[in-house]
Amino acid sequence: MKYNISFQERAKLSIAILSKQPVVTLKEAKEQAQWLNSTSKTNNKKERV
């Protein structure tokens, strides 16, 4: 991996990667957030002793 990369080069690479990903609608994002919230095991709050 190339470590000494400029901010502009990194931004161009991230834009290229994001453009290849499928578009997500607001409805799909909300459904995914609800699913993650319901299946998350870290959602249980610990009691302080």
PDB file of N, CA and C in Angstrom:
ATOM      1  N   MET A   1       0.842  -1.182   0.000  1.00  0.00           N
ATOM      2  CA  MET A   1       0.000   0.000   0.000  1.00  0.00           C
ATOM      3  C   MET A   1       0.885   1.243   0.000  1.00  0.00           C
ATOM      4  N   LYS A   2       0.455   2.232  -0.732  1.00  0.00           N
ATOM      5  CA  LYS A   2       1.207   3.485  -0.853  1.00  0.00           C
ATOM      6  C   LYS A   2       0.848   4.397   0.327  1.00  0.00           C
ATOM      7  N   TYR A   3       1.819   4.663   1.209  1.00  0.00           N
ATOM      8  CA  TYR A   3       1.530   5.429   2.412  1.00  0.00           C
ATOM      9  C   TYR A   3       1.699   6.930   2.227  1.00  0.00           C
ATOM     10  N   ASN A   4       2.637   7.356   1.415  1.00  0.00           N
ATOM     11  CA  ASN A   4       2.826   8.792   1.230  1.00  0.00           C
ATOM     12  C   ASN A   4       2.003   9.249   0.020  1.00  0.00           C
ATOM     13  N   ILE A   5       0.714   9.431   0.260  1.00  0.00           N
ATOM     14  CA  ILE A   5      -0.245   9.848  -0.756  1.00  0.00           C
ATOM     15  C   ILE A   5      -0.836  11.187  -0.308  1.00  0.00           C
ATOM     16  N   SER A   6      -1.021  12.089  -1.241  1.00  0.00           N
ATOM     17  CA  SER A   6      -1.537  13.408  -0.869  1.00  0.00           C
ATOM     18  C   SER A   6      -3.036  13.341  -0.590  1.00  0.00           C
ATOM     19  N   PHE A   7      -3.516  14.358   0.070  1.00  0.00           N
ATOM     20  CA  PHE A   7      -4.942  14.423   0.402  1.00  0.00           C
ATOM     21  C   PHE A   7      -5.787  14.437  -0.867  1.00  0.00           C
ATOM     22  N   GLN A   8      -5.333  15.159  -1.883  1.00  0.00           N
ATOM     23  CA  GLN A   8      -6.092  15.241  -3.136  1.00  0.00           C
ATOM     24  C   GLN A   8      -6.147  13.892  -3.842  1.00  0.00           C
ATOM     25  N   GLU A   9      -5.037  13.168  -3.828  1.00  0.00           N
ATOM     26  CA  GLU A   9      -5.028  11.838  -4.444  1.00  0.00           C
ATOM     27  C   GLU A   9      -5.947  10.885  -3.684  1.00  0.00           C
ATOM     28  N   ARG A  10      -5.926  10.985  -2.360  1.00  0.00           N
ATOM     29  CA  ARG A  10      -6.793  10.145  -1.538  1.00  0.00           C
ATOM     30  C   ARG A  10      -8.266  10.469  -1.807  1.00  0.00           C
ATOM     31  N   ALA A  11      -8.591  11.744  -1.986  1.00  0.00           N
ATOM     32  CA  ALA A  11      -9.964  12.154  -2.272  1.00  0.00           C
ATOM     33  C   ALA A  11     -10.417  11.612  -3.630  1.00  0.00           C
ATOM     34  N   LYS A  12      -9.542  11.665  -4.621  1.00  0.00           N
ATOM     35  CA  LYS A  12      -9.879  11.137  -5.947  1.00  0.00           C
ATOM     36  C   LYS A  12     -10.130   9.638  -5.895  1.00  0.00           C
ATOM     37  N   LEU A  13      -9.290   8.925  -5.148  1.00  0.00           N
ATOM     38  CA  LEU A  13      -9.474   7.478  -5.012  1.00  0.00           C
ATOM     39  C   LEU A  13     -10.788   7.141  -4.313  1.00  0.00           C
ATOM     40  N   SER A  14     -11.118   7.882  -3.268  1.00  0.00           N
ATOM     41  CA  SER A  14     -12.361   7.601  -2.545  1.00  0.00           C
ATOM     42  C   SER A  14     -13.585   7.913  -3.395  1.00  0.00           C
ATOM     43  N   ILE A  15     -13.520   8.955  -4.208  1.00  0.00           N
ATOM     44  CA  ILE A  15     -14.632   9.275  -5.103  1.00  0.00           C
ATOM     45  C   ILE A  15     -14.822   8.159  -6.123  1.00  0.00           C
ATOM     46  N   ALA A  16     -13.714   7.634  -6.646  1.00  0.00           N
ATOM     47  CA  ALA A  16     -13.794   6.542  -7.616  1.00  0.00           C
ATOM     48  C   ALA A  16     -14.396   5.295  -6.983  1.00  0.00           C
ATOM     49  N   ILE A  17     -14.006   4.987  -5.742  1.00  0.00           N
ATOM     50  CA  ILE A  17     -14.547   3.813  -5.054  1.00  0.00           C
ATOM     51  C   ILE A  17     -16.034   3.998  -4.760  1.00  0.00           C
ATOM     52  N   LEU A  18     -16.414   5.183  -4.290  1.00  0.00           N
ATOM     53  CA  LEU A  18     -17.823   5.438  -3.972  1.00  0.00           C
ATOM     54  C   LEU A  18     -18.705   5.426  -5.217  1.00  0.00           C
ATOM     55  N   SER A  19     -18.171   5.833  -6.356  1.00  0.00           N
ATOM     56  CA  SER A  19     -18.977   5.860  -7.576  1.00  0.00           C
ATOM     57  C   SER A  19     -19.300   4.453  -8.069  1.00  0.00           C
ATOM     58  N   LYS A  20     -18.515   3.470  -7.665  1.00  0.00           N
ATOM     59  CA  LYS A  20     -18.758   2.090  -8.073  1.00  0.00           C
ATOM     60  C   LYS A  20     -19.802   1.396  -7.195  1.00  0.00           C
ATOM     61  N   GLN A  21     -20.097   1.955  -6.033  1.00  0.00           N
ATOM     62  CA  GLN A  21     -21.049   1.336  -5.120  1.00  0.00           C
ATOM     63  C   GLN A  21     -22.482   1.624  -5.573  1.00  0.00           C
ATOM     64  N   PRO A  22     -23.417   0.692  -5.321  1.00  0.00           N
ATOM     65  CA  PRO A  22     -24.810   0.934  -5.700  1.00  0.00           C
ATOM     66  C   PRO A  22     -25.428   2.050  -4.856  1.00  0.00           C
ATOM     67  N   VAL A  23     -26.398   2.731  -5.433  1.00  0.00           N
ATOM     68  CA  VAL A  23     -27.079   3.833  -4.763  1.00  0.00           C
ATOM     69  C   VAL A  23     -27.997   3.271  -3.672  1.00  0.00           C
ATOM     70  N   VAL A  24     -28.002   3.917  -2.506  1.00  0.00           N
ATOM     71  CA  VAL A  24     -28.848   3.495  -1.394  1.00  0.00           C
ATOM     72  C   VAL A  24     -29.885   4.588  -1.155  1.00  0.00           C
ATOM     73  N   THR A  25     -31.154   4.194  -1.127  1.00  0.00           N
ATOM     74  CA  THR A  25     -32.211   5.166  -0.876  1.00  0.00           C
ATOM     75  C   THR A  25     -32.344   5.414   0.621  1.00  0.00           C
ATOM     76  N   LEU A  26     -33.049   6.478   0.968  1.00  0.00           N
ATOM     77  CA  LEU A  26     -33.258   6.802   2.372  1.00  0.00           C
ATOM     78  C   LEU A  26     -34.039   5.688   3.064  1.00  0.00           C
ATOM     79  N   LYS A  27     -35.012   5.118   2.362  1.00  0.00           N
ATOM     80  CA  LYS A  27     -35.815   4.030   2.932  1.00  0.00           C
ATOM     81  C   LYS A  27     -34.931   2.818   3.253  1.00  0.00           C
ATOM     82  N   GLU A  28     -34.049   2.467   2.322  1.00  0.00           N
ATOM     83  CA  GLU A  28     -33.150   1.332   2.541  1.00  0.00           C
ATOM     84  C   GLU A  28     -32.197   1.599   3.703  1.00  0.00           C
ATOM     85  N   ALA A  29     -31.721   2.818   3.811  1.00  0.00           N
ATOM     86  CA  ALA A  29     -30.809   3.175   4.896  1.00  0.00           C
ATOM     87  C   ALA A  29     -31.516   3.084   6.245  1.00  0.00           C
ATOM     88  N   LYS A  30     -32.766   3.536   6.310  1.00  0.00           N
ATOM     89  CA  LYS A  30     -33.534   3.450   7.551  1.00  0.00           C
ATOM     90  C   LYS A  30     -33.792   2.001   7.935  1.00  0.00           C
ATOM     91  N   GLU A  31     -34.126   1.165   6.938  1.00  0.00           N
ATOM     92  CA  GLU A  31     -34.361  -0.252   7.215  1.00  0.00           C
ATOM     93  C   GLU A  31     -33.089  -0.920   7.726  1.00  0.00           C
ATOM     94  N   GLN A  32     -31.964  -0.584   7.136  1.00  0.00           N
ATOM     95  CA  GLN A  32     -30.702  -1.161   7.577  1.00  0.00           C
ATOM     96  C   GLN A  32     -30.370  -0.711   9.000  1.00  0.00           C
ATOM     97  N   ALA A  33     -30.608   0.550   9.317  1.00  0.00           N
ATOM     98  CA  ALA A  33     -30.338   1.061  10.657  1.00  0.00           C
ATOM     99  C   ALA A  33     -31.230   0.377  11.681  1.00  0.00           C
ATOM    100  N   GLN A  34     -32.503   0.163  11.338  1.00  0.00           N
ATOM    101  CA  GLN A  34     -33.409  -0.523  12.249  1.00  0.00           C
ATOM    102  C   GLN A  34     -32.979  -1.970  12.461  1.00  0.00           C
ATOM    103  N   TRP A  35     -32.557  -2.631  11.390  1.00  0.00           N
ATOM    104  CA  TRP A  35     -32.115  -4.016  11.510  1.00  0.00           C
ATOM    105  C   TRP A  35     -30.868  -4.113  12.384  1.00  0.00           C
ATOM    106  N   LEU A  36     -29.911  -3.196  12.160  1.00  0.00           N
ATOM    107  CA  LEU A  36     -28.699  -3.201  12.972  1.00  0.00           C
ATOM    108  C   LEU A  36     -29.011  -2.923  14.433  1.00  0.00           C
ATOM    109  N   ASN A  37     -29.941  -2.028  14.682  1.00  0.00           N
ATOM    110  CA  ASN A  37     -30.328  -1.688  16.044  1.00  0.00           C
ATOM    111  C   ASN A  37     -30.981  -2.880  16.737  1.00  0.00           C
ATOM    112  N   SER A  38     -31.795  -3.620  16.010  1.00  0.00           N
ATOM    113  CA  SER A  38     -32.495  -4.752  16.627  1.00  0.00           C
ATOM    114  C   SER A  38     -31.590  -5.959  16.819  1.00  0.00           C
ATOM    115  N   THR A  39     -30.576  -6.124  15.974  1.00  0.00           N
ATOM    116  CA  THR A  39     -29.708  -7.299  16.076  1.00  0.00           C
ATOM    117  C   THR A  39     -28.406  -7.033  16.812  1.00  0.00           C
ATOM    118  N   SER A  40     -28.171  -5.805  17.187  1.00  0.00           N
ATOM    119  CA  SER A  40     -26.918  -5.459  17.848  1.00  0.00           C
ATOM    120  C   SER A  40     -26.874  -6.047  19.251  1.00  0.00           C
ATOM    121  N   LYS A  41     -25.763  -6.702  19.570  1.00  0.00           N
ATOM    122  CA  LYS A  41     -25.603  -7.281  20.895  1.00  0.00           C
ATOM    123  C   LYS A  41     -25.056  -6.252  21.875  1.00  0.00           C
ATOM    124  N   THR A  42     -24.460  -5.187  21.375  1.00  0.00           N
ATOM    125  CA  THR A  42     -23.915  -4.160  22.251  1.00  0.00           C
ATOM    126  C   THR A  42     -24.979  -3.144  22.647  1.00  0.00           C
ATOM    127  N   ASN A  43     -26.208  -3.413  22.261  1.00  0.00           N
ATOM    128  CA  ASN A  43     -27.290  -2.487  22.565  1.00  0.00           C
ATOM    129  C   ASN A  43     -27.692  -2.583  24.040  1.00  0.00           C
ATOM    130  N   ASN A  44     -27.301  -3.666  24.711  1.00  0.00           N
ATOM    131  CA  ASN A  44     -27.646  -3.844  26.119  1.00  0.00           C
ATOM    132  C   ASN A  44     -26.747  -2.959  26.977  1.00  0.00           C
ATOM    133  N   LYS A  45     -27.351  -2.066  27.728  1.00  0.00           N
ATOM    134  CA  LYS A  45     -26.580  -1.162  28.556  1.00  0.00           C
ATOM    135  C   LYS A  45     -26.161  -1.887  29.841  1.00  0.00           C
ATOM    136  N   LYS A  46     -24.938  -1.651  30.256  1.00  0.00           N
ATOM    137  CA  LYS A  46     -24.427  -2.272  31.470  1.00  0.00           C
ATOM    138  C   LYS A  46     -24.730  -1.378  32.650  1.00  0.00           C
ATOM    139  N   GLU A  47     -25.051  -2.001  33.763  1.00  0.00           N
ATOM    140  CA  GLU A  47     -25.322  -1.234  34.976  1.00  0.00           C
ATOM    141  C   GLU A  47     -24.012  -0.921  35.684  1.00  0.00           C
ATOM    142  N   ARG A  48     -23.929   0.262  36.230  1.00  0.00           N
ATOM    143  CA  ARG A  48     -22.739   0.634  36.987  1.00  0.00           C
ATOM    144  C   ARG A  48     -22.851   0.058  38.393  1.00  0.00           C
ATOM    145  N   VAL A  49     -21.736  -0.418  38.888  1.00  0.00           N
ATOM    146  CA  VAL A  49     -21.726  -1.036  40.211  1.00  0.00           C
ATOM    147  C   VAL A  49     -21.278  -0.042  41.244  1.00  0.00           C
TER     148      VAL A  49
END
